[in-house]
């Protein structure tokens, strides 16, 4: 039987979903791992897609096989249930009704709804539905959208548990297919490219009508369903999502007839509902003061650097940007630092949003990978390799937002992140896939009132500092941001 290209795209999208991989003993925000710079001696983990980055958060992996194959004629194993393997040679799961002649050893079969090519010798679980891992650790069973189910404590799933899993999985697949089949072929292509590139090629908006989808008796809006299916298995509500500034849903009315369902046009809000990230309270005198280029301890890779990082309006000049009189003034400048050494020139930003990245499959912006330095330490080289897709910095009506597009956390320091009237500054951890308002225009205006007692020393009230992968402050081995291997200074130009 011949199948259309649209149905093939729908099946490929279904196989590209992610599965939660909850690990017992996962540490939370204030823990001690070297990856974020906290105190500890463990080796840095290999780069993986860590969505959520807090206590109890899930690590997710794509279900799609590394070598995509056509699933035509390979539907025989779909009715055999979920299968798993934990390293070693593939073997079928022992369960009642699976005869000795059953062909369950085709581990490359991509058509089944719960099959995943595994690596790193870890146990693979089916789809979005959690179950006990090889060690017997229980999984969450409270969320109908995740379709979680628990195994009996005695080992081996009962017929009722297996039947429930099958029903939940089939319901999720049915609802997902019903949504995807509404899309045209071009929209499916765009969605698949965004999912398979993991946001490296986000593509255009994928608009669908605001349908009343329900799953497990609960509302499942399109952006929530696909966001959970392809990025965040622990996503609970659509209000946790923030559309990116270039998305249709960003400017459209909340009750408009259509909504974008491209999961890489959204980010998760980094707010009170997320686990508290590591933070440090530092005095402005000791930490948040502009780095003076005349300081003898600082070295610059360009001889044309000015005598201050704070660039006054009208004084900025950069031949690579070549701004002319018809262009509006830049709203910020970006300086890239490696420890106490600034690398490259100030990058002026004129557009509403700018990508700052090390390696991006498609797009433009500030490419840190092209900035050369003759002598780099090993820690800087390792950290630069973790920047990846980097961040998306955008100026929006309420302030300046930073979206973490990479696979490792970023750490943010800004005058407007502190409590009103506070004399100390806060360093916030932003997990992969999350957004945070790094500079609030309204709060900044309130803080501009003269407070002689609050100023312990010179500091720039319009500057934001972002460190890649490494944190700093009392909770970490690095006390100051100048000890971080790779970081940015965002110099806002007349923020309002």
Protein backbone atom coordinates (compact mmCIF):
# COMPACT_ATOMS: atom_id res chain seq x y z
CA UNK A 1 0.00 0.00 0.00
CA UNK A 2 1.35 3.41 -0.95
CA UNK A 3 1.38 6.09 1.71
CA UNK A 4 1.39 9.83 1.17
CA UNK A 5 4.28 12.07 2.14
CA UNK A 6 2.08 13.79 4.72
CA UNK A 7 1.39 10.54 6.57
CA UNK A 8 5.13 9.76 6.49
CA UNK A 9 5.92 13.16 8.02
CA UNK A 10 3.34 12.57 10.74
CA UNK A 11 4.91 9.21 11.61
CA UNK A 12 8.41 10.72 11.68
CA UNK A 13 7.20 13.44 14.05
CA UNK A 14 5.63 10.85 16.33
CA UNK A 15 8.90 8.94 16.46
CA UNK A 16 10.78 12.17 17.26
CA UNK A 17 9.03 12.71 20.59
CA UNK A 18 11.06 12.76 23.80
CA UNK A 19 10.88 10.51 26.83
CA UNK A 20 11.46 11.46 30.45
CA UNK A 21 14.48 9.87 32.06
CA UNK A 22 14.15 10.60 35.75
CA UNK A 23 17.19 9.63 37.71
CA UNK A 24 16.92 8.90 41.39
CA UNK A 25 19.01 11.23 43.45
CA UNK A 26 19.08 14.07 40.97
CA UNK A 27 20.29 17.14 42.79
CA UNK A 28 18.60 20.48 42.75
CA UNK A 29 19.43 24.08 42.27
CA UNK A 30 21.95 24.57 45.02
CA UNK A 31 23.83 21.34 44.45
CA UNK A 32 27.49 20.90 43.83
CA UNK A 33 28.32 20.01 40.27
CA UNK A 34 31.23 21.38 38.36
CA UNK A 35 29.10 22.07 35.29
CA UNK A 36 27.48 25.12 36.80
CA UNK A 37 30.52 26.05 38.82
CA UNK A 38 29.20 24.99 42.21
CA UNK A 39 31.50 23.55 44.84
CA UNK A 40 32.21 19.91 44.15
CA UNK A 41 34.71 17.55 42.63
CA UNK A 42 32.62 15.47 40.26
CA UNK A 43 33.61 15.40 36.62
CA UNK A 44 31.51 17.46 34.27
CA UNK A 45 28.80 15.37 32.57
CA UNK A 46 28.72 14.99 28.83
CA UNK A 47 26.48 17.52 27.06
CA UNK A 48 22.88 16.35 27.06
CA UNK A 49 19.50 17.98 26.60
CA UNK A 50 18.59 18.90 30.15
CA UNK A 51 15.15 20.45 30.11
CA UNK A 52 14.15 21.94 33.41
CA UNK A 53 17.46 21.91 35.24
CA UNK A 54 16.11 21.79 38.78
CA UNK A 55 15.36 19.38 41.58
CA UNK A 56 13.43 16.45 40.21
CA UNK A 57 13.58 17.68 36.64
CA UNK A 58 13.65 15.25 33.75
CA UNK A 59 16.32 14.63 31.21
CA UNK A 60 14.84 14.05 27.77
CA UNK A 61 16.04 12.28 24.69
CA UNK A 62 14.54 12.04 21.22
CA UNK A 63 12.86 8.79 20.30
CA UNK A 64 13.74 9.03 16.61
CA UNK A 65 16.37 6.53 15.44
CA UNK A 66 19.74 7.76 14.36
CA UNK A 67 19.28 6.26 10.89
CA UNK A 68 15.69 7.02 9.84
CA UNK A 69 14.08 4.24 7.83
CA UNK A 70 10.80 3.97 6.08
CA UNK A 71 8.30 2.23 8.31
CA UNK A 72 6.28 0.80 5.37
CA UNK A 73 5.49 -2.85 6.00
CA UNK A 74 6.93 -2.89 9.51
CA UNK A 75 3.80 -2.61 11.60
CA UNK A 76 3.90 -6.14 12.91
CA UNK A 77 5.75 -5.22 16.06
CA UNK A 78 3.49 -2.28 16.94
CA UNK A 79 0.93 -4.48 18.64
CA UNK A 80 3.55 -6.24 20.74
CA UNK A 81 3.52 -3.54 23.46
CA UNK A 82 6.37 -1.58 24.85
CA UNK A 83 9.87 -3.03 24.85
CA UNK A 84 13.02 -1.99 26.61
CA UNK A 85 16.64 -2.95 26.91
CA UNK A 86 19.38 -1.96 29.32
CA UNK A 87 22.67 -2.31 27.49
CA UNK A 88 23.92 -5.67 26.25
CA UNK A 89 22.29 -7.54 23.35
CA UNK A 90 18.66 -6.74 22.56
CA UNK A 91 16.07 -9.09 23.98
CA UNK A 92 12.27 -9.15 24.19
CA UNK A 93 10.46 -8.22 27.39
CA UNK A 94 9.07 -11.26 29.19
CA UNK A 95 5.38 -10.87 29.43
CA UNK A 96 2.39 -13.21 29.18
CA UNK A 97 1.26 -13.92 25.66
CA UNK A 98 4.62 -13.39 23.98
CA UNK A 99 5.39 -16.76 22.47
CA UNK A 100 8.80 -18.10 21.76
CA UNK A 101 8.34 -17.49 18.08
CA UNK A 102 7.52 -13.82 18.49
CA UNK A 103 9.90 -11.61 16.51
CA UNK A 104 10.62 -8.93 19.11
CA UNK A 105 14.32 -8.62 18.41
CA UNK A 106 14.07 -6.04 15.64
CA UNK A 107 15.42 -3.21 17.80
CA UNK A 108 15.76 -0.88 14.79
CA UNK A 109 12.01 -0.95 14.16
CA UNK A 110 11.03 2.74 14.11
CA UNK A 111 7.32 2.28 13.61
CA UNK A 112 6.39 1.15 17.09
CA UNK A 113 5.12 3.89 19.39
CA UNK A 114 7.45 3.04 22.24
CA UNK A 115 10.75 2.09 20.66
CA UNK A 116 13.95 4.02 21.28
CA UNK A 117 17.56 3.37 20.21
CA UNK A 118 19.48 3.51 23.46
CA UNK A 119 22.98 4.62 24.26
CA UNK A 120 25.10 4.97 27.37
CA UNK A 121 23.80 1.62 28.70
CA UNK A 122 20.72 3.19 30.26
CA UNK A 123 17.26 1.72 30.58
CA UNK A 124 14.83 2.93 27.95
CA UNK A 125 11.21 3.55 28.80
CA UNK A 126 8.30 3.92 26.45
CA UNK A 127 7.12 7.23 25.06
CA UNK A 128 5.97 9.80 27.62
CA UNK A 129 4.69 7.11 29.95
CA UNK A 130 6.86 6.59 33.00
CA UNK A 131 7.37 3.23 34.58
CA UNK A 132 9.79 1.73 37.04
CA UNK A 133 13.37 1.72 35.93
CA UNK A 134 15.73 -1.23 36.23
CA UNK A 135 16.44 -0.38 39.85
CA UNK A 136 12.76 -0.32 40.77
CA UNK A 137 12.47 3.42 41.42
CA UNK A 138 8.82 4.59 41.16
CA UNK A 139 7.74 7.18 38.64
CA UNK A 140 5.13 9.91 38.76
CA UNK A 141 1.61 8.67 38.03
CA UNK A 142 -0.44 11.79 38.65
CA UNK A 143 -0.48 13.43 35.25
CA UNK A 144 -2.86 12.16 32.54
CA UNK A 145 -0.99 14.05 29.81
CA UNK A 146 2.22 12.21 30.66
CA UNK A 147 0.34 8.93 30.84
CA UNK A 148 2.36 7.71 33.80
CA UNK A 149 1.69 4.34 35.38
CA UNK A 150 3.32 2.44 38.21
CA UNK A 151 4.47 -1.16 38.23
CA UNK A 152 3.39 -3.39 41.09
CA UNK A 153 5.95 -3.61 43.85
CA UNK A 154 6.26 -7.34 43.35
CA UNK A 155 7.93 -6.87 39.95
CA UNK A 156 6.39 -7.45 36.55
CA UNK A 157 3.47 -5.44 35.32
CA UNK A 158 0.01 -6.80 35.93
CA UNK A 159 -2.44 -7.18 33.09
CA UNK A 160 -4.39 -4.17 34.36
CA UNK A 161 -1.30 -1.95 34.41
CA UNK A 162 -0.30 -3.04 30.92
CA UNK A 163 -3.81 -2.48 29.67
CA UNK A 164 -3.87 1.02 31.15
CA UNK A 165 -0.54 1.86 29.55
CA UNK A 166 -1.79 0.70 26.18
CA UNK A 167 -4.95 2.79 26.49
CA UNK A 168 -3.09 5.93 27.57
CA UNK A 169 -0.50 5.56 24.87
CA UNK A 170 -3.11 4.98 22.22
CA UNK A 171 -5.08 8.02 23.38
CA UNK A 172 -1.98 10.23 23.22
CA UNK A 173 -1.13 8.92 19.76
CA UNK A 174 -4.69 9.44 18.55
CA UNK A 175 -4.85 13.04 19.78
CA UNK A 176 -1.39 13.83 18.40
CA UNK A 177 -2.18 12.32 15.00
CA UNK A 178 -5.51 14.17 14.84
CA UNK A 179 -3.64 17.46 15.39
CA UNK A 180 -0.77 16.76 13.01
CA UNK A 181 -3.05 15.57 10.22
CA UNK A 182 -4.68 19.01 10.19
CA UNK A 183 -1.41 20.53 9.05
CA UNK A 184 -0.42 20.95 5.44
CA UNK A 185 2.67 19.27 4.07
CA UNK A 186 4.71 22.46 4.20
CA UNK A 187 3.82 23.03 7.85
CA UNK A 188 4.74 19.45 8.68
CA UNK A 189 8.10 19.91 6.97
CA UNK A 190 8.73 23.07 9.02
CA UNK A 191 7.74 21.35 12.24
CA UNK A 192 9.88 18.29 11.55
CA UNK A 193 12.94 20.39 10.70
CA UNK A 194 12.58 22.34 13.94
CA UNK A 195 12.18 19.18 16.00
CA UNK A 196 15.02 17.23 14.39
CA UNK A 197 17.43 20.19 14.61
CA UNK A 198 16.37 20.73 18.24
CA UNK A 199 15.76 24.40 17.61
CA UNK A 200 18.87 25.02 15.54
CA UNK A 201 16.56 25.72 12.60
CA UNK A 202 13.37 26.94 14.34
CA UNK A 203 11.64 27.69 11.03
CA UNK A 204 8.44 29.66 10.64
CA UNK A 205 5.20 29.57 12.57
CA UNK A 206 2.99 26.50 12.35
CA UNK A 207 -0.52 27.88 12.76
CA UNK A 208 -3.50 25.77 13.76
CA UNK A 209 -7.04 26.70 14.83
CA UNK A 210 -7.62 26.93 18.55
CA UNK A 211 -9.15 23.47 18.79
CA UNK A 212 -10.57 22.10 22.01
CA UNK A 213 -8.23 19.14 22.37
CA UNK A 214 -8.57 17.00 25.46
CA UNK A 215 -6.35 14.26 26.81
CA UNK A 216 -7.17 12.19 29.84
CA UNK A 217 -10.14 14.46 30.45
CA UNK A 218 -7.90 17.53 30.69
CA UNK A 219 -7.60 20.40 28.15
CA UNK A 220 -4.55 20.06 25.93
CA UNK A 221 -4.02 23.19 23.77
CA UNK A 222 -1.88 22.59 20.65
CA UNK A 223 1.14 24.49 21.98
CA UNK A 224 0.97 22.58 25.26
CA UNK A 225 0.55 19.19 23.59
CA UNK A 226 3.45 19.58 21.16
CA UNK A 227 5.65 21.42 23.65
CA UNK A 228 5.27 18.52 26.02
CA UNK A 229 5.62 15.90 23.33
CA UNK A 230 8.83 17.27 21.81
CA UNK A 231 10.55 19.32 24.54
CA UNK A 232 9.25 19.29 28.14
CA UNK A 233 7.56 16.08 29.36
CA UNK A 234 6.94 17.74 32.75
CA UNK A 235 5.12 20.77 31.32
CA UNK A 236 1.86 21.28 33.20
CA UNK A 237 0.04 24.34 31.83
CA UNK A 238 0.12 26.54 28.75
CA UNK A 239 0.63 29.62 30.95
CA UNK A 240 4.15 28.37 31.66
CA UNK A 241 5.04 29.00 28.03
CA UNK A 242 6.24 32.31 26.62
CA UNK A 243 6.16 32.86 22.83
CA UNK A 244 9.39 34.20 21.39
CA UNK A 245 9.32 37.74 20.03
CA UNK A 246 9.28 36.66 16.37
CA UNK A 247 6.36 34.25 16.77
CA UNK A 248 2.80 34.86 15.58
CA UNK A 249 1.51 34.10 19.09
CA UNK A 250 3.72 36.86 20.53
CA UNK A 251 1.77 39.68 18.88
CA UNK A 252 -1.59 37.91 18.40
CA UNK A 253 -4.46 38.24 20.83
CA UNK A 254 -4.67 35.57 23.50
CA UNK A 255 -8.09 34.51 22.20
CA UNK A 256 -7.30 34.78 18.49
CA UNK A 257 -8.61 32.20 16.02
CA UNK A 258 -5.19 30.60 15.43
CA UNK A 259 -2.17 29.74 17.55
CA UNK A 260 1.37 28.73 16.67
CA UNK A 261 2.20 25.18 17.75
CA UNK A 262 5.90 25.14 16.79
CA UNK A 263 7.47 24.04 20.09
CA UNK A 264 10.70 25.90 19.31
CA UNK A 265 8.82 29.20 19.04
CA UNK A 266 8.18 29.00 22.78
CA UNK A 267 10.24 29.00 25.94
CA UNK A 268 9.41 28.19 29.52
CA UNK A 269 9.22 31.00 32.02
CA UNK A 270 11.88 31.02 34.69
CA UNK A 271 9.81 32.23 37.61
CA UNK A 272 8.60 31.35 41.11
CA UNK A 273 6.97 28.16 39.87
CA UNK A 274 10.32 26.72 38.82
CA UNK A 275 12.73 25.29 41.41
CA UNK A 276 14.81 27.97 43.13
CA UNK A 277 18.10 28.24 41.26
CA UNK A 278 21.42 28.81 42.97
CA UNK A 279 21.85 32.46 43.79
CA UNK A 280 24.35 34.72 45.43
CA UNK A 281 23.98 38.04 47.15
CA UNK A 282 26.95 40.24 46.49
CA UNK A 283 27.53 43.85 47.30
CA UNK A 284 27.60 46.23 44.32
CA UNK A 285 30.94 47.53 45.52
CA UNK A 286 32.58 44.10 45.30
CA UNK A 287 30.84 42.58 42.32
CA UNK A 288 28.58 44.69 40.18
CA UNK A 289 30.81 47.52 39.05
CA UNK A 290 31.88 48.24 35.48
CA UNK A 291 35.25 46.86 34.53
CA UNK A 292 37.60 49.74 33.81
CA UNK A 293 39.75 49.20 30.76
CA UNK A 294 42.53 51.20 32.39
CA UNK A 295 42.86 48.48 35.04
CA UNK A 296 46.31 46.96 34.63
CA UNK A 297 44.98 43.50 35.44
CA UNK A 298 42.78 43.48 32.35
CA UNK A 299 44.13 42.68 28.92
CA UNK A 300 42.35 43.27 25.64
CA UNK A 301 42.74 41.53 22.33
CA UNK A 302 42.28 44.72 20.33
CA UNK A 303 44.34 47.87 20.57
CA UNK A 304 41.47 50.12 19.57
CA UNK A 305 39.47 49.52 22.73
CA UNK A 306 38.07 52.58 24.44
CA UNK A 307 38.91 53.53 28.00
CA UNK A 308 35.58 52.39 29.43
CA UNK A 309 33.09 49.62 28.84
CA UNK A 310 30.28 52.11 29.23
CA UNK A 311 29.73 53.59 25.80
CA UNK A 312 27.91 56.88 25.76
CA UNK A 313 25.24 57.46 23.09
CA UNK A 314 26.76 58.77 19.89
CA UNK A 315 30.31 57.68 20.82
CA UNK A 316 30.08 54.13 19.52
CA UNK A 317 32.02 53.44 16.35
CA UNK A 318 32.51 50.07 14.74
CA UNK A 319 33.56 49.69 11.11
CA UNK A 320 32.20 46.16 10.94
CA UNK A 321 28.71 47.43 11.76
CA UNK A 322 28.90 50.49 9.49
CA UNK A 323 25.78 52.19 10.89
CA UNK A 324 24.58 55.12 8.87
CA UNK A 325 22.54 58.15 9.78
CA UNK A 326 19.25 56.59 8.64
CA UNK A 327 19.45 53.67 11.07
CA UNK A 328 18.04 54.01 14.58
CA UNK A 329 20.44 54.02 17.46
CA UNK A 330 21.49 50.63 18.80
CA UNK A 331 19.59 49.62 21.92
CA UNK A 332 22.48 47.66 23.44
CA UNK A 333 26.10 46.63 22.93
CA UNK A 334 27.47 43.20 23.76
CA UNK A 335 30.98 42.53 25.07
CA UNK A 336 32.34 38.97 25.21
CA UNK A 337 34.79 38.09 27.96
CA UNK A 338 37.01 35.14 28.81
CA UNK A 339 37.90 35.49 32.47
CA UNK A 340 39.31 39.06 32.69
CA UNK A 341 40.11 39.35 28.99
CA UNK A 342 37.68 40.90 26.57
CA UNK A 343 37.73 39.19 23.18
CA UNK A 344 36.64 41.02 20.06
CA UNK A 345 34.91 44.34 19.67
CA UNK A 346 31.70 45.61 21.12
CA UNK A 347 28.79 44.23 19.12
CA UNK A 348 26.03 46.81 18.60
CA UNK A 349 22.46 45.50 18.37
CA UNK A 350 19.92 47.36 16.23
CA UNK A 351 17.28 44.66 15.66
CA UNK A 352 14.64 43.73 18.19
CA UNK A 353 16.32 40.39 18.85
CA UNK A 354 19.83 39.02 18.40
CA UNK A 355 21.26 35.49 18.61
CA UNK A 356 24.55 35.12 20.48
CA UNK A 357 25.97 31.67 19.80
CA UNK A 358 29.04 29.54 19.26
CA UNK A 359 27.65 27.27 16.54
CA UNK A 360 24.25 27.66 14.91
CA UNK A 361 23.08 25.64 11.87
CA UNK A 362 21.08 28.53 10.48
CA UNK A 363 20.71 32.17 11.39
CA UNK A 364 22.70 35.32 11.98
CA UNK A 365 23.90 37.28 14.96
CA UNK A 366 26.96 37.46 17.19
CA UNK A 367 29.04 34.33 16.52
CA UNK A 368 31.44 33.73 19.40
CA UNK A 369 33.04 30.81 17.58
CA UNK A 370 34.68 33.21 15.12
CA UNK A 371 36.47 35.20 17.82
CA UNK A 372 40.07 34.04 17.94
CA UNK A 373 42.51 34.27 20.80
CA UNK A 374 46.06 32.99 20.63
CA UNK A 375 46.24 31.52 24.11
CA UNK A 376 43.18 29.95 25.71
CA UNK A 377 43.10 27.86 28.85
CA UNK A 378 41.59 24.39 28.80
CA UNK A 379 38.66 25.51 30.96
CA UNK A 380 37.81 28.23 28.43
CA UNK A 381 37.95 25.73 25.57
CA UNK A 382 35.64 23.33 27.38
CA UNK A 383 33.18 26.06 28.25
CA UNK A 384 33.15 27.48 24.72
CA UNK A 385 32.22 24.04 23.42
CA UNK A 386 29.16 24.13 25.70
CA UNK A 387 27.79 27.44 24.39
CA UNK A 388 26.23 25.73 21.36
CA UNK A 389 23.12 27.58 20.18
CA UNK A 390 23.71 30.16 22.91
CA UNK A 391 21.04 32.67 23.83
CA UNK A 392 18.43 34.83 22.14
CA UNK A 393 18.44 38.37 23.53
CA UNK A 394 15.33 40.44 22.76
CA UNK A 395 14.04 43.88 23.62
CA UNK A 396 10.32 43.70 24.38
CA UNK A 397 7.79 46.26 25.66
CA UNK A 398 8.26 45.28 29.30
CA UNK A 399 12.02 44.76 29.30
CA UNK A 400 14.92 42.76 27.94
CA UNK A 401 14.54 38.98 27.83
CA UNK A 402 17.15 36.22 27.48
CA UNK A 403 16.18 32.80 26.14
CA UNK A 404 18.59 29.93 26.75
CA UNK A 405 18.76 28.00 23.46
CA UNK A 406 21.72 25.85 24.48
CA UNK A 407 21.98 22.54 26.32
CA UNK A 408 23.64 23.94 29.44
CA UNK A 409 22.42 26.50 31.98
CA UNK A 410 23.31 30.16 31.90
CA UNK A 411 23.72 32.44 34.91
CA UNK A 412 22.37 35.99 34.92
CA UNK A 413 23.16 39.03 37.03
CA UNK A 414 21.12 42.24 36.69
CA UNK A 415 20.19 45.22 38.90
CA UNK A 416 16.46 44.59 38.36
CA UNK A 417 16.55 40.94 39.51
CA UNK A 418 17.01 41.97 43.13
CA UNK A 419 14.19 42.72 45.55
CA UNK A 420 13.06 46.37 45.57
CA UNK A 421 15.24 48.48 47.83
CA UNK A 422 17.83 45.74 48.23
CA UNK A 423 21.50 46.62 48.35
CA UNK A 424 22.66 43.26 46.97
CA UNK A 425 22.43 41.70 43.55
CA UNK A 426 21.12 38.26 42.60
CA UNK A 427 22.65 35.68 40.29
CA UNK A 428 19.95 33.54 38.69
CA UNK A 429 20.39 30.16 37.04
CA UNK A 430 18.42 29.75 33.80
CA UNK A 431 18.05 26.11 32.65
CA UNK A 432 18.05 25.13 28.96
CA UNK A 433 14.83 26.03 27.18
CA UNK A 434 13.88 28.71 29.72
CA UNK A 435 13.52 32.49 29.43
CA UNK A 436 14.04 35.18 32.02
CA UNK A 437 13.47 38.92 32.02
CA UNK A 438 17.02 40.06 32.60
CA UNK A 439 16.14 43.75 32.71
CA UNK A 440 12.79 45.22 33.76
CA UNK A 441 12.19 48.73 32.43
CA UNK A 442 9.60 49.63 35.08
CA UNK A 443 11.71 48.47 38.01
CA UNK A 444 14.75 50.15 36.53
CA UNK A 445 12.90 53.48 36.48
CA UNK A 446 11.99 53.10 40.13
CA UNK A 447 15.55 52.26 41.06
CA UNK A 448 16.89 55.39 39.38
CA UNK A 449 15.67 57.50 42.28
CA UNK A 450 18.70 58.88 44.18
CA UNK A 451 19.54 56.69 47.18
CA UNK A 452 22.86 57.86 48.63
CA UNK A 453 22.93 55.17 51.30
CA UNK A 454 22.42 52.35 48.81
CA UNK A 455 25.54 53.05 46.75
CA UNK A 456 28.55 51.30 48.23
CA UNK A 457 30.61 52.03 45.13
CA UNK A 458 30.41 52.67 41.40
CA UNK A 459 28.24 50.29 39.39
CA UNK A 460 26.34 50.42 36.13
CA UNK A 461 22.54 50.27 36.63
CA UNK A 462 22.02 49.49 32.91
CA UNK A 463 24.31 46.50 32.54
CA UNK A 464 23.50 42.78 32.51
CA UNK A 465 26.04 39.99 32.89
CA UNK A 466 25.51 36.45 31.61
CA UNK A 467 27.87 33.52 32.18
CA UNK A 468 27.74 30.36 30.06
CA UNK A 469 27.57 27.06 31.98
CA UNK A 470 29.46 28.37 35.03
CA UNK A 471 28.02 30.12 38.05
CA UNK A 472 29.72 32.44 40.49
CA UNK A 473 29.21 33.76 43.99
CA UNK A 474 29.31 32.31 47.54
CA UNK A 475 27.70 29.02 46.41
CA UNK A 476 30.43 28.38 43.86
CA UNK A 477 34.16 28.10 43.67
CA UNK A 478 34.18 31.30 41.58
CA UNK A 479 33.49 34.35 43.70
CA UNK A 480 33.40 36.89 40.87
CA UNK A 481 32.25 36.77 37.29
CA UNK A 482 35.77 37.57 36.11
CA UNK A 483 36.61 34.03 37.22
CA UNK A 484 34.06 32.56 34.81
CA UNK A 485 35.58 31.18 31.59
CA UNK A 486 33.04 32.66 29.13
CA UNK A 487 30.61 35.46 29.86
CA UNK A 488 28.82 38.40 28.29
CA UNK A 489 28.26 41.96 29.38
CA UNK A 490 25.10 43.51 27.93
CA UNK A 491 25.41 47.30 27.95
CA UNK A 492 21.96 48.83 27.51
CA UNK A 493 21.74 52.13 25.67
CA UNK A 494 19.10 54.40 27.25
CA UNK A 495 16.79 51.55 28.31
CA UNK A 496 13.11 52.43 28.35
